[in-house]
Each structure stands twice: as C-alpha cells, then as structure tokens.
C-alpha cells in the first residue's frame, strides 16, 4: 500500500504540493458539514470524551493527513538533501546603543526583549554563553549556544530563499556579539558575553489558538511552512505558540532554535525529505483535525 505522501516525498520540497496538478485531495479541506451543525449536547459529549482519552472523537471528521507516508520502505529510506545553493552566513551587525523597553517572556527558556535602536522598535533574542555541561540535556536543545547556532543558521537560509521578504517569518537584521558585560540587563553573573539575534517586532500579534484560527489562517500557515521547507529548513517545533496571527491577516512562523537546515552534518540530525514532509503532514493534523475541530467545540485549553 502506498499514499500520495509516499509518491510526493521524492520531489519534496522542490515540488510545491499546493501547486500540484491535479490538486492533492483534502490538502485544502472544506470544513466538515457535521461541525457546522454541531449541537451543544454533541460538543459536551465530545469534550468529555477528549478529556478522558486525550483524543477528540470528532477530529476524524477531517480524516488522515493527505501527505502522510504509509509505506515503511518509503518512511525509513534515506532521502537526504544533498544539493542546493548554500546561503551566505547570517550577517554580524554592530547596532548603536540598545534601549531595553520590555522583557516579553520572563519565564521563557530564551529571554526575548522589546528594544529600541535609534527610532526603530525591534525584537531581541538573547542566548547566554555557558558551557554544555552546565545546561546540558540529552537532546542538546537545552544548551543556549546550540539554540543560537540553529536559529542563526535557519535565518541565513530564510533570508537567502526570500521567506523573510515574503513575510512568512520575521525579518532578521543579523546577529551580534557584545563585548561589554553590562550591555544586557540581568546577566551580570555571566562569565562570557551572550549572543543575540535581532528580529522584526510585531506590536499586535496574537499566538494562534482555537479562538482565532480560521480555515484561511490554517491554509496560510501551512503554505508558509512549505516556504520554510523550500528554504531547506525543518522548523522542529510545530506548535500553535510558534504561529503568530497579525491584525492585517498576516500569518508568521517564529522560533527556529530547534530547527535543522540542509547544512547539518551530524548523521542523527541530517535533513531528509521525509522529515520535511512529515512535519508538513503533522502541521496539517494540528491545524485541521485538532484546532479547527476544537474551535467548533469552543475548547479553551487543549493539547496543542
């Protein structure tokens, strides 16, 4: 048995699934009629079942992802990304004095600040420079310098491919390595200066949720994720919190510190076509069978 995903993976991401001829069935699905006429009793029963089992019984109204791979030979073969144009490194910048306006995520793993440089408002992501054995986790995600290098490499790819210019991800102005310890607040105990990435700031952004998702937003988010993949970047953390919805209808993917790029050399992390297509398929499941269904049921706190 094989699927559309099994056939499509050989040419992904060079071939855009949203431009397939004929179109891939259900890639841009219509909302199931059953959801449009759902009763309060059905919603209550579905919510109770979901809270009991962790599975929303109405999620299957959308069916399986049209891009899922079912053939074990296809799923486990090695289709690495071997040839593409390497992007230039992300530019190192030397910004004028930075005025810190607000610490946006005091409980976050990576400090994010709203800052002002000259007359411009920017977003600054900060990575403390510590030794691996001080903040090491089994998957290495916990060490700030790993996260910095991954985000830095991802934005080099996204700028080069034009994904930043298309508005799919924030514009990245570059990275910098301050020499003065007191350049940043609240980091006086650091033995080495941190590193930072300067990004576009969105003043009225909302995280994607069951409250604001629509079919149009879900479609924009999936098409945006494809453009990220076409940049040879695997996002690595598909979650509603990493998708921003702006007041003008723009949908933006953020947070690439768990990403993998085509330049990755480690065997256990090398980018493959399967990983890219599986991520797009997983995102389809989150947006449609999960969030779009939950929207109709008015879930406020759910799995994704």
Protein backbone atom coordinates (compact mmCIF):
# COMPACT_ATOMS: atom_id res chain seq x y z
CA UNK A 1 0.00 0.00 0.00
CA UNK A 2 1.24 3.49 -0.82
CA UNK A 3 -0.10 7.02 -0.44
CA UNK A 4 0.17 10.46 -2.00
CA UNK A 5 2.85 11.23 0.55
CA UNK A 6 4.86 8.15 -0.44
CA UNK A 7 4.96 9.38 -4.03
CA UNK A 8 5.41 13.06 -3.25
CA UNK A 9 8.37 12.72 -0.88
CA UNK A 10 10.83 12.04 -3.71
CA UNK A 11 10.46 15.61 -5.05
CA UNK A 12 9.73 17.48 -1.81
CA UNK A 13 10.42 20.35 -1.16
CA UNK A 14 11.42 21.30 -4.71
CA UNK A 15 7.88 20.47 -5.81
CA UNK A 16 5.16 22.53 -4.13
CA UNK A 17 2.22 20.35 -3.00
CA UNK A 18 -0.09 23.38 -3.14
CA UNK A 19 0.61 23.71 -6.87
CA UNK A 20 0.08 20.07 -7.77
CA UNK A 21 -1.84 19.32 -10.95
CA UNK A 22 -4.26 17.75 -10.32
CA UNK A 23 -4.62 19.22 -6.83
CA UNK A 24 -3.98 16.94 -3.86
CA UNK A 25 -7.35 15.99 -2.43
CA UNK A 26 -8.11 17.48 1.02
CA UNK A 27 -4.83 19.37 1.24
CA UNK A 28 -7.03 22.46 1.50
CA UNK A 29 -10.08 20.79 3.04
CA UNK A 30 -13.59 22.06 3.34
CA UNK A 31 -14.90 22.21 6.86
CA UNK A 32 -16.98 19.06 7.51
CA UNK A 33 -20.69 19.75 7.47
CA UNK A 34 -21.07 17.87 10.75
CA UNK A 35 -19.03 20.56 12.51
CA UNK A 36 -21.19 23.34 11.11
CA UNK A 37 -24.33 21.86 12.67
CA UNK A 38 -22.88 20.57 15.93
CA UNK A 39 -25.26 20.64 18.90
CA UNK A 40 -24.39 21.63 22.48
CA UNK A 41 -25.00 18.04 23.56
CA UNK A 42 -22.61 16.66 20.93
CA UNK A 43 -19.99 19.25 21.89
CA UNK A 44 -20.33 18.38 25.57
CA UNK A 45 -20.01 14.65 24.88
CA UNK A 46 -17.01 15.18 22.63
CA UNK A 47 -15.31 17.37 25.23
CA UNK A 48 -15.88 14.80 27.98
CA UNK A 49 -14.50 12.04 25.77
CA UNK A 50 -11.49 14.13 24.80
CA UNK A 51 -10.66 14.96 28.40
CA UNK A 52 -10.96 11.29 29.31
CA UNK A 53 -8.91 9.81 26.47
CA UNK A 54 -6.80 12.68 25.14
CA UNK A 55 -8.34 12.14 21.69
CA UNK A 56 -11.08 14.33 20.28
CA UNK A 57 -13.61 11.90 18.75
CA UNK A 58 -14.64 14.49 16.15
CA UNK A 59 -11.11 15.01 14.86
CA UNK A 60 -11.52 12.16 12.37
CA UNK A 61 -14.15 14.16 10.50
CA UNK A 62 -11.23 15.65 8.57
CA UNK A 63 -9.67 12.24 8.01
CA UNK A 64 -5.96 11.46 7.92
CA UNK A 65 -3.39 13.87 6.56
CA UNK A 66 -3.31 13.69 2.74
CA UNK A 67 0.50 13.88 2.89
CA UNK A 68 1.09 11.05 5.35
CA UNK A 69 3.50 8.29 4.30
CA UNK A 70 2.31 4.74 4.92
CA UNK A 71 4.85 2.59 3.09
CA UNK A 72 7.53 1.52 5.62
CA UNK A 73 10.13 1.34 2.87
CA UNK A 74 9.49 4.97 1.97
CA UNK A 75 9.33 6.19 5.55
CA UNK A 76 12.62 4.59 6.58
CA UNK A 77 14.70 5.00 3.42
CA UNK A 78 17.29 7.77 3.33
CA UNK A 79 16.42 10.66 1.06
CA UNK A 80 18.84 13.34 2.24
CA UNK A 81 19.04 16.87 0.91
CA UNK A 82 22.29 16.70 -0.99
CA UNK A 83 22.46 19.54 -3.48
CA UNK A 84 21.21 23.08 -3.15
CA UNK A 85 22.65 26.58 -3.13
CA UNK A 86 24.25 27.27 0.23
CA UNK A 87 23.24 30.61 1.74
CA UNK A 88 25.81 33.15 2.89
CA UNK A 89 26.27 33.33 6.67
CA UNK A 90 23.90 35.50 8.65
CA UNK A 91 25.44 38.94 8.81
CA UNK A 92 27.05 40.12 12.03
CA UNK A 93 25.84 43.59 12.97
CA UNK A 94 27.10 46.28 15.30
CA UNK A 95 23.99 48.14 16.48
CA UNK A 96 24.01 51.51 18.13
CA UNK A 97 23.13 51.62 21.84
CA UNK A 98 20.14 49.46 22.63
CA UNK A 99 17.35 50.73 24.86
CA UNK A 100 15.52 47.92 26.61
CA UNK A 101 11.79 48.58 26.75
CA UNK A 102 10.25 45.33 27.99
CA UNK A 103 11.17 41.77 28.85
CA UNK A 104 8.47 39.88 26.96
CA UNK A 105 8.89 36.35 28.38
CA UNK A 106 10.27 36.40 31.94
CA UNK A 107 9.55 32.67 32.29
CA UNK A 108 10.80 31.68 28.83
CA UNK A 109 13.80 29.50 28.11
CA UNK A 110 15.37 32.09 25.81
CA UNK A 111 14.99 35.71 27.00
CA UNK A 112 13.17 37.88 24.45
CA UNK A 113 13.17 41.67 24.73
CA UNK A 114 11.35 44.52 23.07
CA UNK A 115 14.09 47.05 22.36
CA UNK A 116 14.61 50.36 20.63
CA UNK A 117 17.59 51.08 18.40
CA UNK A 118 17.53 54.64 17.16
CA UNK A 119 13.90 55.21 16.14
CA UNK A 120 13.19 51.54 15.40
CA UNK A 121 11.46 49.01 17.64
CA UNK A 122 12.94 45.52 17.36
CA UNK A 123 12.75 42.11 19.00
CA UNK A 124 15.95 40.86 20.57
CA UNK A 125 16.53 37.17 21.38
CA UNK A 126 19.29 36.57 23.86
CA UNK A 127 21.43 33.45 24.28
CA UNK A 128 23.66 33.18 27.32
CA UNK A 129 27.10 31.69 26.66
CA UNK A 130 27.62 28.80 29.04
CA UNK A 131 29.45 25.51 28.87
CA UNK A 132 27.50 22.45 27.63
CA UNK A 133 27.86 20.60 30.92
CA UNK A 134 26.16 23.47 32.76
CA UNK A 135 22.89 23.37 30.81
CA UNK A 136 23.04 20.05 29.02
CA UNK A 137 20.03 17.94 28.11
CA UNK A 138 20.00 14.61 26.32
CA UNK A 139 18.93 16.17 23.02
CA UNK A 140 21.22 19.20 23.41
CA UNK A 141 18.28 21.57 22.98
CA UNK A 142 18.86 22.97 26.46
CA UNK A 143 22.28 24.46 25.77
CA UNK A 144 21.81 28.09 24.65
CA UNK A 145 24.68 28.05 22.17
CA UNK A 146 23.11 25.14 20.29
CA UNK A 147 19.85 27.06 20.08
CA UNK A 148 21.67 30.20 18.96
CA UNK A 149 23.54 28.39 16.18
CA UNK A 150 20.39 26.69 14.94
CA UNK A 151 18.38 29.90 14.83
CA UNK A 152 21.28 31.78 13.26
CA UNK A 153 21.67 29.13 10.55
CA UNK A 154 17.91 28.98 9.94
CA UNK A 155 17.64 32.73 9.35
CA UNK A 156 20.60 32.61 6.96
CA UNK A 157 18.58 30.12 4.89
CA UNK A 158 15.28 32.01 5.25
CA UNK A 159 16.79 35.33 4.21
CA UNK A 160 18.56 33.74 1.25
CA UNK A 161 15.43 31.99 -0.02
CA UNK A 162 13.22 35.07 0.29
CA UNK A 163 11.00 33.67 3.05
CA UNK A 164 11.69 36.73 5.20
CA UNK A 165 10.87 39.08 2.33
CA UNK A 166 7.57 37.22 1.76
CA UNK A 167 6.56 37.88 5.38
CA UNK A 168 6.27 34.21 6.24
CA UNK A 169 8.81 34.60 9.06
CA UNK A 170 10.11 37.71 10.83
CA UNK A 171 12.74 39.73 9.06
CA UNK A 172 16.11 39.08 10.65
CA UNK A 173 18.55 42.01 10.82
CA UNK A 174 21.51 39.88 11.89
CA UNK A 175 23.30 38.69 15.00
CA UNK A 176 25.77 40.37 17.28
CA UNK A 177 28.28 39.51 19.96
CA UNK A 178 28.51 42.32 22.51
CA UNK A 179 31.83 42.84 24.19
CA UNK A 180 30.62 44.72 27.25
CA UNK A 181 29.13 42.65 30.08
CA UNK A 182 26.68 45.39 31.07
CA UNK A 183 25.21 45.65 27.57
CA UNK A 184 22.31 43.42 28.64
CA UNK A 185 20.24 43.62 31.82
CA UNK A 186 20.01 40.86 34.43
CA UNK A 187 23.04 38.95 33.19
CA UNK A 188 25.81 40.21 35.43
CA UNK A 189 26.62 36.69 36.61
CA UNK A 190 27.60 35.52 33.13
CA UNK A 191 31.29 34.88 32.70
CA UNK A 192 31.13 35.45 28.97
CA UNK A 193 29.03 37.94 26.98
CA UNK A 194 25.85 36.49 25.49
CA UNK A 195 24.96 36.40 21.82
CA UNK A 196 21.88 37.95 20.32
CA UNK A 197 19.69 37.87 17.22
CA UNK A 198 17.76 40.97 16.17
CA UNK A 199 14.33 40.39 14.62
CA UNK A 200 11.25 42.18 13.35
CA UNK A 201 8.84 43.16 16.12
CA UNK A 202 5.07 42.74 15.81
CA UNK A 203 3.16 45.09 18.14
CA UNK A 204 -0.30 43.49 17.86
CA UNK A 205 0.45 39.82 17.28
CA UNK A 206 -1.62 37.00 18.73
CA UNK A 207 -0.50 33.42 19.11
CA UNK A 208 -2.55 31.00 17.06
CA UNK A 209 -5.33 29.43 19.12
CA UNK A 210 -8.80 27.94 18.87
CA UNK A 211 -10.09 31.47 19.42
CA UNK A 212 -8.61 33.00 16.27
CA UNK A 213 -7.99 30.14 13.85
CA UNK A 214 -9.98 30.06 10.60
CA UNK A 215 -9.72 27.92 7.51
CA UNK A 216 -7.94 30.81 5.77
CA UNK A 217 -5.40 31.15 8.58
CA UNK A 218 -4.76 27.40 8.66
CA UNK A 219 -4.16 27.44 4.90
CA UNK A 220 -1.79 30.43 5.16
CA UNK A 221 0.15 28.75 7.96
CA UNK A 222 0.59 25.52 6.01
CA UNK A 223 1.66 27.34 2.84
CA UNK A 224 4.09 29.35 4.94
CA UNK A 225 5.54 26.18 6.43
CA UNK A 226 6.06 24.85 2.92
CA UNK A 227 8.04 28.00 2.04
CA UNK A 228 10.19 27.38 5.12
CA UNK A 229 10.82 23.84 3.90
CA UNK A 230 11.62 25.19 0.43
CA UNK A 231 14.37 27.13 2.22
CA UNK A 232 15.72 23.73 3.39
CA UNK A 233 14.78 24.44 6.98
CA UNK A 234 12.94 22.00 9.24
CA UNK A 235 11.21 24.06 11.92
CA UNK A 236 11.48 21.36 14.57
CA UNK A 237 8.84 22.68 16.99
CA UNK A 238 5.41 22.64 15.36
CA UNK A 239 3.08 24.17 17.91
CA UNK A 240 0.36 26.81 17.88
CA UNK A 241 2.51 29.06 20.11
CA UNK A 242 5.04 29.34 17.26
CA UNK A 243 2.50 30.77 14.81
CA UNK A 244 1.54 34.44 15.08
CA UNK A 245 -1.63 35.97 13.63
CA UNK A 246 -1.35 39.69 12.88
CA UNK A 247 -4.19 42.20 12.66
CA UNK A 248 -3.66 42.63 8.90
CA UNK A 249 -4.18 38.90 8.27
CA UNK A 250 -0.51 38.04 8.01
CA UNK A 251 0.49 34.67 9.49
CA UNK A 252 4.07 34.36 10.73
CA UNK A 253 6.16 31.42 11.90
CA UNK A 254 8.61 32.15 14.71
CA UNK A 255 11.20 30.45 16.95
CA UNK A 256 13.75 28.47 14.94
CA UNK A 257 16.09 27.49 17.76
CA UNK A 258 15.17 23.82 17.37
CA UNK A 259 15.43 23.83 13.59
CA UNK A 260 17.55 21.72 11.27
CA UNK A 261 18.95 23.04 7.99
CA UNK A 262 20.28 21.38 4.89
CA UNK A 263 23.80 22.20 6.02
CA UNK A 264 23.53 19.92 9.08
CA UNK A 265 26.37 17.36 9.04
CA UNK A 266 25.57 15.22 12.07
CA UNK A 267 24.20 11.87 10.91
CA UNK A 268 21.48 11.72 13.56
CA UNK A 269 20.21 15.21 12.66
CA UNK A 270 20.74 15.36 8.91
CA UNK A 271 17.85 16.87 7.00
CA UNK A 272 15.87 14.43 4.87
CA UNK A 273 12.92 14.78 2.56
CA UNK A 274 10.86 12.53 4.83
CA UNK A 275 11.44 14.76 7.85
CA UNK A 276 10.28 17.81 5.92
CA UNK A 277 7.15 16.16 4.52
CA UNK A 278 6.32 14.55 7.88
CA UNK A 279 6.48 17.99 9.52
CA UNK A 280 4.07 19.47 6.97
CA UNK A 281 1.75 16.49 7.47
CA UNK A 282 1.91 16.88 11.25
CA UNK A 283 1.09 20.58 10.96
CA UNK A 284 -1.95 19.72 8.80
CA UNK A 285 -3.19 17.46 11.62
CA UNK A 286 -2.73 20.17 14.25
CA UNK A 287 -4.47 22.88 12.24
CA UNK A 288 -7.44 20.92 10.90
CA UNK A 289 -8.34 17.78 12.95
CA UNK A 290 -7.19 19.47 16.17
CA UNK A 291 -7.57 23.24 16.22
CA UNK A 292 -10.36 23.66 13.65
CA UNK A 293 -12.42 20.98 15.38
CA UNK A 294 -11.66 22.41 18.81
CA UNK A 295 -12.76 25.84 17.58
CA UNK A 296 -16.24 24.50 16.91
CA UNK A 297 -16.31 22.87 20.34
CA UNK A 298 -15.03 26.09 21.93
CA UNK A 299 -12.12 24.38 23.68
CA UNK A 300 -10.01 26.93 25.51
CA UNK A 301 -7.07 24.84 26.66
CA UNK A 302 -6.11 21.82 24.61
CA UNK A 303 -3.17 19.67 23.61
CA UNK A 304 -1.50 21.90 21.03
